[in-house]
Amino acid sequence: MSTLKLAKLVDGDLAAQAAVSDVLYNNRLILDAGGAQRLPLMAATASLYERAEALGFGGSDMIAVVEALREAGAEPGVASG
């Protein structure tokens, strides 16, 4: 799956296979069941997908989350610090 998503990312192909809104919905279900305190990485992921959705990428493929990172000033694929 990651190879497929990498190709979509490189090509700038945001056509949905797993839409941002759907991934966010699933993240929220997991957080509701497990709790954000016990799942901090899932909570952080949900925040990124929430931002991507707010930027208008809800119907785009989940890789559009990189737009939330860009908007926050992070360059996807580049480690900071």
N, C-alpha and C. Protein backbone atom coordinates (compact mmCIF):
# COMPACT_ATOMS: atom_id res chain seq x y z
N MET A 1 0.82 -1.18 0.00
CA MET A 1 0.00 0.00 0.00
C MET A 1 0.86 1.26 0.00
N SER A 2 1.94 1.27 0.76
CA SER A 2 2.77 2.48 0.82
C SER A 2 3.39 2.80 -0.53
N THR A 3 3.71 1.79 -1.33
CA THR A 3 4.26 2.03 -2.66
C THR A 3 3.22 2.72 -3.53
N LEU A 4 1.98 2.30 -3.43
CA LEU A 4 0.90 2.92 -4.18
C LEU A 4 0.72 4.37 -3.77
N LYS A 5 0.71 4.63 -2.47
CA LYS A 5 0.53 6.00 -1.99
C LYS A 5 1.73 6.86 -2.36
N LEU A 6 2.92 6.30 -2.33
CA LEU A 6 4.10 7.07 -2.72
C LEU A 6 3.98 7.51 -4.18
N ALA A 7 3.55 6.61 -5.03
CA ALA A 7 3.39 6.96 -6.45
C ALA A 7 2.34 8.06 -6.61
N LYS A 8 1.24 7.99 -5.87
CA LYS A 8 0.21 9.04 -5.93
C LYS A 8 0.77 10.37 -5.45
N LEU A 9 1.55 10.32 -4.38
CA LEU A 9 2.14 11.53 -3.82
C LEU A 9 3.10 12.18 -4.83
N VAL A 10 3.97 11.37 -5.40
CA VAL A 10 4.94 11.88 -6.38
C VAL A 10 4.23 12.48 -7.59
N ASP A 11 3.15 11.81 -8.02
CA ASP A 11 2.41 12.28 -9.20
C ASP A 11 1.45 13.43 -8.87
N GLY A 12 1.27 13.74 -7.59
CA GLY A 12 0.32 14.78 -7.21
C GLY A 12 -1.12 14.34 -7.44
N ASP A 13 -1.34 13.04 -7.42
CA ASP A 13 -2.66 12.45 -7.68
C ASP A 13 -3.45 12.38 -6.38
N LEU A 14 -4.40 13.28 -6.21
CA LEU A 14 -5.20 13.31 -4.99
C LEU A 14 -6.57 12.65 -5.17
N ALA A 15 -6.76 11.95 -6.30
CA ALA A 15 -8.02 11.22 -6.50
C ALA A 15 -8.17 10.21 -5.36
N ALA A 16 -9.33 10.22 -4.74
CA ALA A 16 -9.54 9.44 -3.52
C ALA A 16 -9.59 7.94 -3.76
N GLN A 17 -8.77 7.24 -2.99
CA GLN A 17 -8.89 5.80 -2.79
C GLN A 17 -9.39 5.60 -1.36
N ALA A 18 -8.81 6.36 -0.47
CA ALA A 18 -9.25 6.44 0.93
C ALA A 18 -9.25 7.93 1.25
N ALA A 19 -10.44 8.52 1.25
CA ALA A 19 -10.57 9.97 1.39
C ALA A 19 -10.20 10.45 2.79
N VAL A 20 -9.71 11.66 2.87
CA VAL A 20 -9.34 12.29 4.14
C VAL A 20 -10.48 12.19 5.15
N SER A 21 -11.70 12.52 4.73
CA SER A 21 -12.84 12.49 5.66
C SER A 21 -13.12 11.08 6.17
N ASP A 22 -12.94 10.07 5.31
CA ASP A 22 -13.15 8.68 5.74
C ASP A 22 -12.08 8.23 6.73
N VAL A 23 -10.84 8.60 6.45
CA VAL A 23 -9.75 8.25 7.36
C VAL A 23 -9.94 8.96 8.70
N LEU A 24 -10.35 10.21 8.66
CA LEU A 24 -10.62 10.95 9.89
C LEU A 24 -11.75 10.30 10.69
N TYR A 25 -12.80 9.88 10.01
CA TYR A 25 -13.91 9.19 10.68
C TYR A 25 -13.40 7.94 11.42
N ASN A 26 -12.58 7.15 10.72
CA ASN A 26 -12.03 5.94 11.34
C ASN A 26 -11.10 6.28 12.51
N ASN A 27 -10.28 7.32 12.35
CA ASN A 27 -9.42 7.75 13.45
C ASN A 27 -10.25 8.10 14.68
N ARG A 28 -11.34 8.82 14.45
CA ARG A 28 -12.20 9.22 15.58
C ARG A 28 -12.84 8.01 16.25
N LEU A 29 -13.24 7.01 15.47
CA LEU A 29 -13.79 5.79 16.06
C LEU A 29 -12.76 5.12 16.97
N ILE A 30 -11.53 5.05 16.50
CA ILE A 30 -10.46 4.43 17.29
C ILE A 30 -10.20 5.24 18.55
N LEU A 31 -10.16 6.56 18.41
CA LEU A 31 -9.94 7.42 19.59
C LEU A 31 -11.08 7.31 20.58
N ASP A 32 -12.31 7.23 20.08
CA ASP A 32 -13.45 7.07 20.98
C ASP A 32 -13.37 5.76 21.75
N ALA A 33 -12.90 4.72 21.09
CA ALA A 33 -12.81 3.41 21.73
C ALA A 33 -11.61 3.31 22.68
N GLY A 34 -10.49 3.91 22.28
CA GLY A 34 -9.27 3.74 23.06
C GLY A 34 -8.84 4.93 23.89
N GLY A 35 -9.33 6.10 23.54
CA GLY A 35 -8.97 7.30 24.29
C GLY A 35 -7.70 7.95 23.79
N ALA A 36 -7.76 9.27 23.63
CA ALA A 36 -6.61 10.03 23.13
C ALA A 36 -5.41 9.93 24.06
N GLN A 37 -5.65 9.81 25.35
CA GLN A 37 -4.54 9.70 26.32
C GLN A 37 -3.72 8.44 26.07
N ARG A 38 -4.39 7.37 25.69
CA ARG A 38 -3.71 6.09 25.46
C ARG A 38 -3.17 5.98 24.05
N LEU A 39 -3.63 6.84 23.15
CA LEU A 39 -3.25 6.76 21.73
C LEU A 39 -2.80 8.13 21.22
N PRO A 40 -1.70 8.66 21.76
CA PRO A 40 -1.30 10.02 21.38
C PRO A 40 -0.93 10.17 19.91
N LEU A 41 -0.36 9.15 19.30
CA LEU A 41 -0.01 9.25 17.89
C LEU A 41 -1.28 9.29 17.03
N MET A 42 -2.28 8.51 17.41
CA MET A 42 -3.55 8.54 16.69
C MET A 42 -4.22 9.91 16.86
N ALA A 43 -4.12 10.50 18.04
CA ALA A 43 -4.68 11.82 18.28
C ALA A 43 -3.97 12.87 17.41
N ALA A 44 -2.67 12.77 17.30
CA ALA A 44 -1.91 13.71 16.46
C ALA A 44 -2.28 13.54 14.99
N THR A 45 -2.45 12.29 14.59
CA THR A 45 -2.84 12.00 13.21
C THR A 45 -4.22 12.59 12.92
N ALA A 46 -5.14 12.41 13.85
CA ALA A 46 -6.49 12.96 13.68
C ALA A 46 -6.43 14.48 13.52
N SER A 47 -5.58 15.13 14.28
CA SER A 47 -5.44 16.59 14.16
C SER A 47 -4.98 17.00 12.77
N LEU A 48 -4.06 16.24 12.20
CA LEU A 48 -3.60 16.54 10.84
C LEU A 48 -4.72 16.34 9.82
N TYR A 49 -5.46 15.25 9.97
CA TYR A 49 -6.57 15.01 9.04
C TYR A 49 -7.68 16.04 9.22
N GLU A 50 -7.92 16.49 10.45
CA GLU A 50 -8.89 17.56 10.68
C GLU A 50 -8.46 18.83 9.95
N ARG A 51 -7.18 19.14 10.01
CA ARG A 51 -6.67 20.34 9.33
C ARG A 51 -6.80 20.18 7.82
N ALA A 52 -6.44 19.01 7.29
CA ALA A 52 -6.57 18.78 5.85
C ALA A 52 -8.02 18.92 5.41
N GLU A 53 -8.94 18.41 6.22
CA GLU A 53 -10.36 18.52 5.90
C GLU A 53 -10.78 19.99 5.92
N ALA A 54 -10.33 20.74 6.92
CA ALA A 54 -10.66 22.16 7.03
C ALA A 54 -10.11 22.96 5.85
N LEU A 55 -9.02 22.49 5.27
CA LEU A 55 -8.42 23.16 4.11
C LEU A 55 -9.15 22.81 2.81
N GLY A 56 -10.17 21.95 2.91
CA GLY A 56 -10.96 21.60 1.73
C GLY A 56 -10.57 20.30 1.06
N PHE A 57 -9.77 19.47 1.72
CA PHE A 57 -9.30 18.23 1.13
C PHE A 57 -10.07 16.99 1.63
N GLY A 58 -11.26 17.18 2.20
CA GLY A 58 -12.01 16.06 2.74
C GLY A 58 -12.30 14.96 1.75
N GLY A 59 -12.56 15.32 0.51
CA GLY A 59 -12.85 14.34 -0.53
C GLY A 59 -11.64 13.84 -1.27
N SER A 60 -10.48 14.37 -0.94
CA SER A 60 -9.23 13.96 -1.61
C SER A 60 -8.63 12.75 -0.92
N ASP A 61 -7.71 12.10 -1.60
CA ASP A 61 -7.04 10.95 -1.02
C ASP A 61 -6.32 11.33 0.27
N MET A 62 -6.15 10.36 1.13
CA MET A 62 -5.53 10.58 2.43
C MET A 62 -4.14 11.20 2.33
N ILE A 63 -3.48 11.05 1.20
CA ILE A 63 -2.15 11.66 1.06
C ILE A 63 -2.22 13.18 1.04
N ALA A 64 -3.43 13.73 0.86
CA ALA A 64 -3.59 15.19 0.89
C ALA A 64 -3.27 15.76 2.27
N VAL A 65 -3.08 14.89 3.25
CA VAL A 65 -2.67 15.36 4.58
C VAL A 65 -1.36 16.14 4.50
N VAL A 66 -0.58 15.90 3.47
CA VAL A 66 0.66 16.67 3.31
C VAL A 66 0.36 18.15 3.16
N GLU A 67 -0.82 18.48 2.65
CA GLU A 67 -1.19 19.89 2.52
C GLU A 67 -1.35 20.54 3.89
N ALA A 68 -1.83 19.78 4.87
CA ALA A 68 -1.93 20.30 6.24
C ALA A 68 -0.54 20.53 6.80
N LEU A 69 0.39 19.65 6.47
CA LEU A 69 1.78 19.83 6.91
C LEU A 69 2.40 21.05 6.25
N ARG A 70 2.17 21.21 4.97
CA ARG A 70 2.71 22.37 4.25
C ARG A 70 2.15 23.67 4.82
N GLU A 71 0.85 23.66 5.09
CA GLU A 71 0.19 24.86 5.62
C GLU A 71 0.76 25.22 6.99
N ALA A 72 1.19 24.21 7.73
CA ALA A 72 1.76 24.44 9.05
C ALA A 72 3.24 24.81 8.98
N GLY A 73 3.80 24.80 7.77
CA GLY A 73 5.19 25.19 7.61
C GLY A 73 6.17 24.04 7.60
N ALA A 74 5.67 22.82 7.65
CA ALA A 74 6.54 21.64 7.60
C ALA A 74 6.69 21.21 6.15
N GLU A 75 7.83 20.71 5.81
CA GLU A 75 8.06 20.16 4.48
C GLU A 75 8.01 18.65 4.58
N PRO A 76 6.94 18.01 4.02
CA PRO A 76 6.82 16.57 4.13
C PRO A 76 8.05 15.85 3.61
N GLY A 77 8.48 14.84 4.33
CA GLY A 77 9.63 14.05 3.93
C GLY A 77 10.96 14.60 4.39
N VAL A 78 10.94 15.74 5.07
CA VAL A 78 12.18 16.35 5.56
C VAL A 78 12.13 16.39 7.07
N ALA A 79 13.07 15.73 7.69
CA ALA A 79 13.12 15.72 9.17
C ALA A 79 13.53 17.09 9.67
N SER A 80 12.92 17.50 10.78
CA SER A 80 13.29 18.79 11.35
C SER A 80 14.21 18.59 12.53
N GLY A 81 14.97 19.63 12.84
CA GLY A 81 15.81 19.62 14.01
C GLY A 81 17.10 19.01 13.77
